Amino acid sequence: MFATHRHVVLVGGALLAFAGLIAATAAFSDRSEPITVPDATPLHVTLDQGLSSDQSRPGDHFEATISQPVVIDNATILPQGTRVDGLVVDAHPSGRLRGRARLQLALQSIELDGKTYAITTSHSQRQGGDHKKRNWAWIAGGAGGGALIGAVAGGGKGALIGGPLGAGAGTAVAYFTGKKDIHLSPETPLTFRLAEPVTIDAAN
């Protein structure tokens, strides 16, 4: 009777151990099963640092963080907080009287569970404002003001002199205050889309 009881205990323990091994193996298998994130999947990120059209240069790297998890088939593949690495594709500062600022960014890698995955994404592009309306307002305003002052000071002849002088002053103001660079502060939200699928060894 004692031997039979001992045999039952041993068999039961072996079965429990075997079941635990199977469960652990299944969990490990599920965890390491590769999942492909399809192209056109949006990647919502926030910048970890500031970028600008007058300070950043093409080829500069920047860091960002996934702000919205990427979910495939009810499984979170890229959780919120996942680190990503980006690249400044193009950066052009604003001119003073003409020439719009440009800033073009892309993501190039994801860091997850100690692994780095290369990715290709669409570009996030920003363009600065146009100078024309503002510059013409400054120049025209300067000319009008100069003509008014000239007319008060010296009549019609003074207006003829004051107009060009005022226009010159307006042009100078437009020149020294006319830059419209693009500045992105830390925590700025940006959205990119995968240009090619990427396979991730993600936990389910």
C-alpha atoms as a PDB file:
ATOM      1  CA  MET A   1       0.000   0.000   0.000  1.00  0.00           C
ATOM      2  CA  PHE A   2       2.806   2.359   0.923  1.00  0.00           C
ATOM      3  CA  ALA A   3       4.687   1.508  -2.292  1.00  0.00           C
ATOM      4  CA  THR A   4       1.591   2.128  -4.365  1.00  0.00           C
ATOM      5  CA  HIS A   5       1.047   5.526  -2.731  1.00  0.00           C
ATOM      6  CA  ARG A   6       4.669   6.450  -3.304  1.00  0.00           C
ATOM      7  CA  HIS A   7       4.380   5.398  -6.945  1.00  0.00           C
ATOM      8  CA  VAL A   8       1.312   7.584  -7.419  1.00  0.00           C
ATOM      9  CA  VAL A   9       3.118  10.565  -5.892  1.00  0.00           C
ATOM     10  CA  LEU A  10       6.130  10.095  -8.129  1.00  0.00           C
ATOM     11  CA  VAL A  11       4.029   9.728 -11.269  1.00  0.00           C
ATOM     12  CA  GLY A  12       1.956  12.766 -10.324  1.00  0.00           C
ATOM     13  CA  GLY A  13       5.070  14.857  -9.732  1.00  0.00           C
ATOM     14  CA  ALA A  14       6.541  13.781 -13.059  1.00  0.00           C
ATOM     15  CA  LEU A  15       3.330  14.697 -14.855  1.00  0.00           C
ATOM     16  CA  LEU A  16       3.257  18.115 -13.195  1.00  0.00           C
ATOM     17  CA  ALA A  17       6.879  18.745 -14.125  1.00  0.00           C
ATOM     18  CA  PHE A  18       6.195  17.656 -17.704  1.00  0.00           C
ATOM     19  CA  ALA A  19       3.158  19.918 -17.915  1.00  0.00           C
ATOM     20  CA  GLY A  20       5.192  22.832 -16.586  1.00  0.00           C
ATOM     21  CA  LEU A  21       7.899  22.183 -19.177  1.00  0.00           C
ATOM     22  CA  ILE A  22       5.334  22.150 -21.967  1.00  0.00           C
ATOM     23  CA  ALA A  23       3.789  25.404 -20.722  1.00  0.00           C
ATOM     24  CA  ALA A  24       7.182  27.089 -20.469  1.00  0.00           C
ATOM     25  CA  THR A  25       8.130  25.893 -23.944  1.00  0.00           C
ATOM     26  CA  ALA A  26       4.849  27.155 -25.363  1.00  0.00           C
ATOM     27  CA  ALA A  27       5.272  30.508 -23.668  1.00  0.00           C
ATOM     28  CA  PHE A  28       8.799  30.849 -24.994  1.00  0.00           C
ATOM     29  CA  SER A  29       7.639  29.848 -28.461  1.00  0.00           C
ATOM     30  CA  ASP A  30       4.832  32.420 -28.377  1.00  0.00           C
ATOM     31  CA  ARG A  31       7.173  35.100 -27.144  1.00  0.00           C
ATOM     32  CA  SER A  32       9.770  34.651 -29.859  1.00  0.00           C
ATOM     33  CA  GLU A  33       7.393  34.070 -32.776  1.00  0.00           C
ATOM     34  CA  PRO A  34       8.236  36.659 -35.457  1.00  0.00           C
ATOM     35  CA  ILE A  35       5.426  38.997 -36.494  1.00  0.00           C
ATOM     36  CA  THR A  36       5.525  41.116 -39.631  1.00  0.00           C
ATOM     37  CA  VAL A  37       4.339  44.686 -39.404  1.00  0.00           C
ATOM     38  CA  PRO A  38       2.996  45.561 -42.883  1.00  0.00           C
ATOM     39  CA  ASP A  39       3.977  48.567 -44.928  1.00  0.00           C
ATOM     40  CA  ALA A  40       1.850  51.705 -44.583  1.00  0.00           C
ATOM     41  CA  THR A  41       1.500  51.044 -40.838  1.00  0.00           C
ATOM     42  CA  PRO A  42       1.559  54.440 -39.078  1.00  0.00           C
ATOM     43  CA  LEU A  43       4.220  55.059 -36.448  1.00  0.00           C
ATOM     44  CA  HIS A  44       3.210  57.824 -34.056  1.00  0.00           C
ATOM     45  CA  VAL A  45       6.196  59.246 -32.174  1.00  0.00           C
ATOM     46  CA  THR A  46       7.215  62.211 -30.049  1.00  0.00           C
ATOM     47  CA  LEU A  47      10.618  63.835 -30.358  1.00  0.00           C
ATOM     48  CA  ASP A  48      13.096  63.367 -27.521  1.00  0.00           C
ATOM     49  CA  GLN A  49      15.026  66.465 -28.588  1.00  0.00           C
ATOM     50  CA  GLY A  50      14.572  69.725 -30.429  1.00  0.00           C
ATOM     51  CA  LEU A  51      15.191  70.073 -34.177  1.00  0.00           C
ATOM     52  CA  SER A  52      15.240  73.147 -36.408  1.00  0.00           C
ATOM     53  CA  SER A  53      15.810  74.110 -40.015  1.00  0.00           C
ATOM     54  CA  ASP A  54      18.636  76.503 -39.100  1.00  0.00           C
ATOM     55  CA  GLN A  55      20.486  74.229 -36.651  1.00  0.00           C
ATOM     56  CA  SER A  56      19.955  70.663 -37.901  1.00  0.00           C
ATOM     57  CA  ARG A  57      21.943  69.328 -40.845  1.00  0.00           C
ATOM     58  CA  PRO A  58      21.221  66.525 -43.360  1.00  0.00           C
ATOM     59  CA  GLY A  59      22.620  63.309 -41.933  1.00  0.00           C
ATOM     60  CA  ASP A  60      22.067  64.288 -38.286  1.00  0.00           C
ATOM     61  CA  HIS A  61      20.477  61.620 -36.097  1.00  0.00           C
ATOM     62  CA  PHE A  62      17.681  62.231 -33.627  1.00  0.00           C
ATOM     63  CA  GLU A  63      15.870  60.116 -31.047  1.00  0.00           C
ATOM     64  CA  ALA A  64      12.130  59.721 -30.595  1.00  0.00           C
ATOM     65  CA  THR A  65       9.654  57.535 -28.687  1.00  0.00           C
ATOM     66  CA  ILE A  66       6.626  55.579 -29.879  1.00  0.00           C
ATOM     67  CA  SER A  67       3.621  57.458 -28.448  1.00  0.00           C
ATOM     68  CA  GLN A  68       0.855  55.062 -29.590  1.00  0.00           C
ATOM     69  CA  PRO A  69       1.347  51.262 -29.469  1.00  0.00           C
ATOM     70  CA  VAL A  70       1.362  49.335 -32.743  1.00  0.00           C
ATOM     71  CA  VAL A  71      -1.114  46.445 -32.473  1.00  0.00           C
ATOM     72  CA  ILE A  72      -1.302  43.533 -34.962  1.00  0.00           C
ATOM     73  CA  ASP A  73      -3.996  40.814 -34.553  1.00  0.00           C
ATOM     74  CA  ASN A  74      -4.731  41.967 -30.999  1.00  0.00           C
ATOM     75  CA  ALA A  75      -1.062  41.657 -30.077  1.00  0.00           C
ATOM     76  CA  THR A  76       0.988  44.711 -29.098  1.00  0.00           C
ATOM     77  CA  ILE A  77       4.076  44.583 -31.278  1.00  0.00           C
ATOM     78  CA  LEU A  78       5.569  47.991 -30.519  1.00  0.00           C
ATOM     79  CA  PRO A  79       4.482  49.208 -27.081  1.00  0.00           C
ATOM     80  CA  GLN A  80       4.275  52.841 -26.098  1.00  0.00           C
ATOM     81  CA  GLY A  81       7.713  54.028 -25.030  1.00  0.00           C
ATOM     82  CA  THR A  82       9.630  52.014 -27.657  1.00  0.00           C
ATOM     83  CA  ARG A  83      12.758  53.896 -28.687  1.00  0.00           C
ATOM     84  CA  VAL A  84      13.336  54.812 -32.328  1.00  0.00           C
ATOM     85  CA  ASP A  85      16.223  56.436 -34.163  1.00  0.00           C
ATOM     86  CA  GLY A  86      15.630  58.996 -36.900  1.00  0.00           C
ATOM     87  CA  LEU A  87      17.573  60.822 -39.570  1.00  0.00           C
ATOM     88  CA  VAL A  88      17.441  64.417 -40.799  1.00  0.00           C
ATOM     89  CA  VAL A  89      17.008  63.922 -44.545  1.00  0.00           C
ATOM     90  CA  ASP A  90      16.976  67.603 -45.517  1.00  0.00           C
ATOM     91  CA  ALA A  91      17.341  70.874 -43.638  1.00  0.00           C
ATOM     92  CA  HIS A  92      17.453  74.327 -45.183  1.00  0.00           C
ATOM     93  CA  PRO A  93      17.346  77.572 -43.193  1.00  0.00           C
ATOM     94  CA  SER A  94      15.039  80.425 -44.045  1.00  0.00           C
ATOM     95  CA  GLY A  95      16.355  83.306 -46.096  1.00  0.00           C
ATOM     96  CA  ARG A  96      15.822  86.850 -44.872  1.00  0.00           C
ATOM     97  CA  LEU A  97      13.949  88.245 -47.857  1.00  0.00           C
ATOM     98  CA  ARG A  98      13.197  85.046 -49.771  1.00  0.00           C
ATOM     99  CA  GLY A  99      13.745  81.303 -49.570  1.00  0.00           C
ATOM    100  CA  ARG A 100      11.475  79.133 -47.426  1.00  0.00           C
ATOM    101  CA  ALA A 101      12.845  76.983 -44.634  1.00  0.00           C
ATOM    102  CA  ARG A 102      12.642  73.197 -45.081  1.00  0.00           C
ATOM    103  CA  LEU A 103      12.953  70.326 -42.633  1.00  0.00           C
ATOM    104  CA  GLN A 104      12.548  66.704 -43.716  1.00  0.00           C
ATOM    105  CA  LEU A 105      12.800  63.740 -41.315  1.00  0.00           C
ATOM    106  CA  ALA A 106      12.585  59.936 -41.507  1.00  0.00           C
ATOM    107  CA  LEU A 107      12.885  57.010 -39.071  1.00  0.00           C
ATOM    108  CA  GLN A 108      15.554  54.392 -39.665  1.00  0.00           C
ATOM    109  CA  SER A 109      15.577  51.947 -36.741  1.00  0.00           C
ATOM    110  CA  ILE A 110      13.603  50.603 -33.768  1.00  0.00           C
ATOM    111  CA  GLU A 111      15.055  49.284 -30.493  1.00  0.00           C
ATOM    112  CA  LEU A 112      12.997  46.562 -28.794  1.00  0.00           C
ATOM    113  CA  ASP A 113      13.970  43.950 -26.178  1.00  0.00           C
ATOM    114  CA  GLY A 114      17.659  44.605 -26.765  1.00  0.00           C
ATOM    115  CA  LYS A 115      17.397  44.206 -30.549  1.00  0.00           C
ATOM    116  CA  THR A 116      17.673  46.854 -33.257  1.00  0.00           C
ATOM    117  CA  TYR A 117      15.464  46.583 -36.345  1.00  0.00           C
ATOM    118  CA  ALA A 118      16.220  48.629 -39.455  1.00  0.00           C
ATOM    119  CA  ILE A 119      13.134  50.272 -40.939  1.00  0.00           C
ATOM    120  CA  THR A 120      12.275  52.442 -43.928  1.00  0.00           C
ATOM    121  CA  THR A 121       9.570  55.060 -43.503  1.00  0.00           C
ATOM    122  CA  SER A 122       7.917  57.915 -45.328  1.00  0.00           C
ATOM    123  CA  HIS A 123       9.330  61.370 -44.726  1.00  0.00           C
ATOM    124  CA  SER A 124       7.805  63.917 -42.369  1.00  0.00           C
ATOM    125  CA  GLN A 125       8.184  67.277 -44.100  1.00  0.00           C
ATOM    126  CA  ARG A 126       7.756  70.818 -42.843  1.00  0.00           C
ATOM    127  CA  GLN A 127       8.079  74.021 -44.857  1.00  0.00           C
ATOM    128  CA  GLY A 128       8.433  77.526 -43.525  1.00  0.00           C
ATOM    129  CA  GLY A 129       6.155  80.465 -44.331  1.00  0.00           C
ATOM    130  CA  ASP A 130       6.341  82.667 -47.405  1.00  0.00           C
ATOM    131  CA  HIS A 131       8.105  86.044 -47.158  1.00  0.00           C
ATOM    132  CA  LYS A 132       6.377  88.000 -49.914  1.00  0.00           C
ATOM    133  CA  LYS A 133       3.283  89.385 -48.207  1.00  0.00           C
ATOM    134  CA  ARG A 134       5.141  90.258 -45.033  1.00  0.00           C
ATOM    135  CA  ASN A 135       8.061  91.851 -46.879  1.00  0.00           C
ATOM    136  CA  TRP A 136       5.825  93.902 -49.129  1.00  0.00           C
ATOM    137  CA  ALA A 137       3.914  95.088 -46.081  1.00  0.00           C
ATOM    138  CA  TRP A 138       7.116  96.241 -44.431  1.00  0.00           C
ATOM    139  CA  ILE A 139       8.474  97.907 -47.594  1.00  0.00           C
ATOM    140  CA  ALA A 140       5.169  99.549 -48.525  1.00  0.00           C
ATOM    141  CA  GLY A 141       4.622 100.656 -44.943  1.00  0.00           C
ATOM    142  CA  GLY A 142       8.118 102.082 -44.796  1.00  0.00           C
ATOM    143  CA  ALA A 143       7.604 103.949 -48.068  1.00  0.00           C
ATOM    144  CA  GLY A 144       4.282 105.382 -46.915  1.00  0.00           C
ATOM    145  CA  GLY A 145       5.704 106.435 -43.583  1.00  0.00           C
ATOM    146  CA  GLY A 146       8.744 107.997 -45.238  1.00  0.00           C
ATOM    147  CA  ALA A 147       6.576 109.901 -47.709  1.00  0.00           C
ATOM    148  CA  LEU A 148       4.384 111.194 -44.901  1.00  0.00           C
ATOM    149  CA  ILE A 149       7.327 112.399 -42.887  1.00  0.00           C
ATOM    150  CA  GLY A 150       8.902 113.915 -45.983  1.00  0.00           C
ATOM    151  CA  ALA A 151       5.710 115.724 -46.898  1.00  0.00           C
ATOM    152  CA  VAL A 152       5.386 117.202 -43.419  1.00  0.00           C
ATOM    153  CA  ALA A 153       9.013 118.255 -43.403  1.00  0.00           C
ATOM    154  CA  GLY A 154       9.394 119.578 -46.926  1.00  0.00           C
ATOM    155  CA  GLY A 155       6.187 119.455 -48.908  1.00  0.00           C
ATOM    156  CA  GLY A 156       5.955 117.592 -52.211  1.00  0.00           C
ATOM    157  CA  LYS A 157       9.691 117.477 -52.773  1.00  0.00           C
ATOM    158  CA  GLY A 158      10.135 116.082 -49.275  1.00  0.00           C
ATOM    159  CA  ALA A 159       7.628 113.346 -50.082  1.00  0.00           C
ATOM    160  CA  LEU A 160       9.625 112.336 -53.143  1.00  0.00           C
ATOM    161  CA  ILE A 161      12.744 112.089 -51.024  1.00  0.00           C
ATOM    162  CA  GLY A 162      11.086 110.491 -48.027  1.00  0.00           C
ATOM    163  CA  GLY A 163       9.370 107.741 -50.034  1.00  0.00           C
ATOM    164  CA  PRO A 164      12.541 105.957 -51.217  1.00  0.00           C
ATOM    165  CA  LEU A 165      14.172 106.452 -47.839  1.00  0.00           C
ATOM    166  CA  GLY A 166      11.161 104.940 -46.121  1.00  0.00           C
ATOM    167  CA  ALA A 167      11.126 102.028 -48.550  1.00  0.00           C
ATOM    168  CA  GLY A 168      14.791 101.435 -47.790  1.00  0.00           C
ATOM    169  CA  ALA A 169      14.059 101.445 -44.068  1.00  0.00           C
ATOM    170  CA  GLY A 170      11.167  99.035 -44.591  1.00  0.00           C
ATOM    171  CA  THR A 171      13.391  96.719 -46.611  1.00  0.00           C
ATOM    172  CA  ALA A 172      15.988  96.820 -43.833  1.00  0.00           C
ATOM    173  CA  VAL A 173      13.354  95.888 -41.240  1.00  0.00           C
ATOM    174  CA  ALA A 174      12.130  93.034 -43.448  1.00  0.00           C
ATOM    175  CA  TYR A 175      15.722  91.850 -43.881  1.00  0.00           C
ATOM    176  CA  PHE A 176      16.608  91.811 -40.199  1.00  0.00           C
ATOM    177  CA  THR A 177      13.304  90.358 -38.971  1.00  0.00           C
ATOM    178  CA  GLY A 178      12.218  88.256 -41.938  1.00  0.00           C
ATOM    179  CA  LYS A 179      13.619  84.810 -41.157  1.00  0.00           C
ATOM    180  CA  LYS A 180      10.938  82.117 -40.717  1.00  0.00           C
ATOM    181  CA  ASP A 181      12.787  79.009 -39.602  1.00  0.00           C
ATOM    182  CA  ILE A 182      11.103  75.796 -38.476  1.00  0.00           C
ATOM    183  CA  HIS A 183      11.570  74.872 -34.822  1.00  0.00           C
ATOM    184  CA  LEU A 184      10.348  71.546 -33.405  1.00  0.00           C
ATOM    185  CA  SER A 185      10.581  71.324 -29.632  1.00  0.00           C
ATOM    186  CA  PRO A 186      10.993  68.123 -27.582  1.00  0.00           C
ATOM    187  CA  GLU A 187       7.686  66.202 -27.255  1.00  0.00           C
ATOM    188  CA  THR A 188       6.536  67.410 -30.694  1.00  0.00           C
ATOM    189  CA  PRO A 189       4.250  64.676 -32.122  1.00  0.00           C
ATOM    190  CA  LEU A 190       5.088  63.348 -35.599  1.00  0.00           C
ATOM    191  CA  THR A 191       3.639  60.540 -37.711  1.00  0.00           C
ATOM    192  CA  PHE A 192       5.562  58.356 -40.147  1.00  0.00           C
ATOM    193  CA  ARG A 193       4.430  55.340 -42.189  1.00  0.00           C
ATOM    194  CA  LEU A 194       6.416  52.207 -42.909  1.00  0.00           C
ATOM    195  CA  ALA A 195       7.537  52.164 -46.542  1.00  0.00           C
ATOM    196  CA  GLU A 196       8.471  48.478 -46.273  1.00  0.00           C
ATOM    197  CA  PRO A 197       7.306  45.634 -43.967  1.00  0.00           C
ATOM    198  CA  VAL A 198       9.435  44.852 -40.921  1.00  0.00           C
ATOM    199  CA  THR A 199       9.536  41.549 -39.025  1.00  0.00           C
ATOM    200  CA  ILE A 200       9.713  41.852 -35.244  1.00  0.00           C
ATOM    201  CA  ASP A 201      10.451  39.141 -32.656  1.00  0.00           C
ATOM    202  CA  ALA A 202       7.756  40.540 -30.380  1.00  0.00           C
ATOM    203  CA  ALA A 203       6.154  39.173 -27.249  1.00  0.00           C
ATOM    204  CA  ASN A 204       2.448  38.335 -27.487  1.00  0.00           C
END
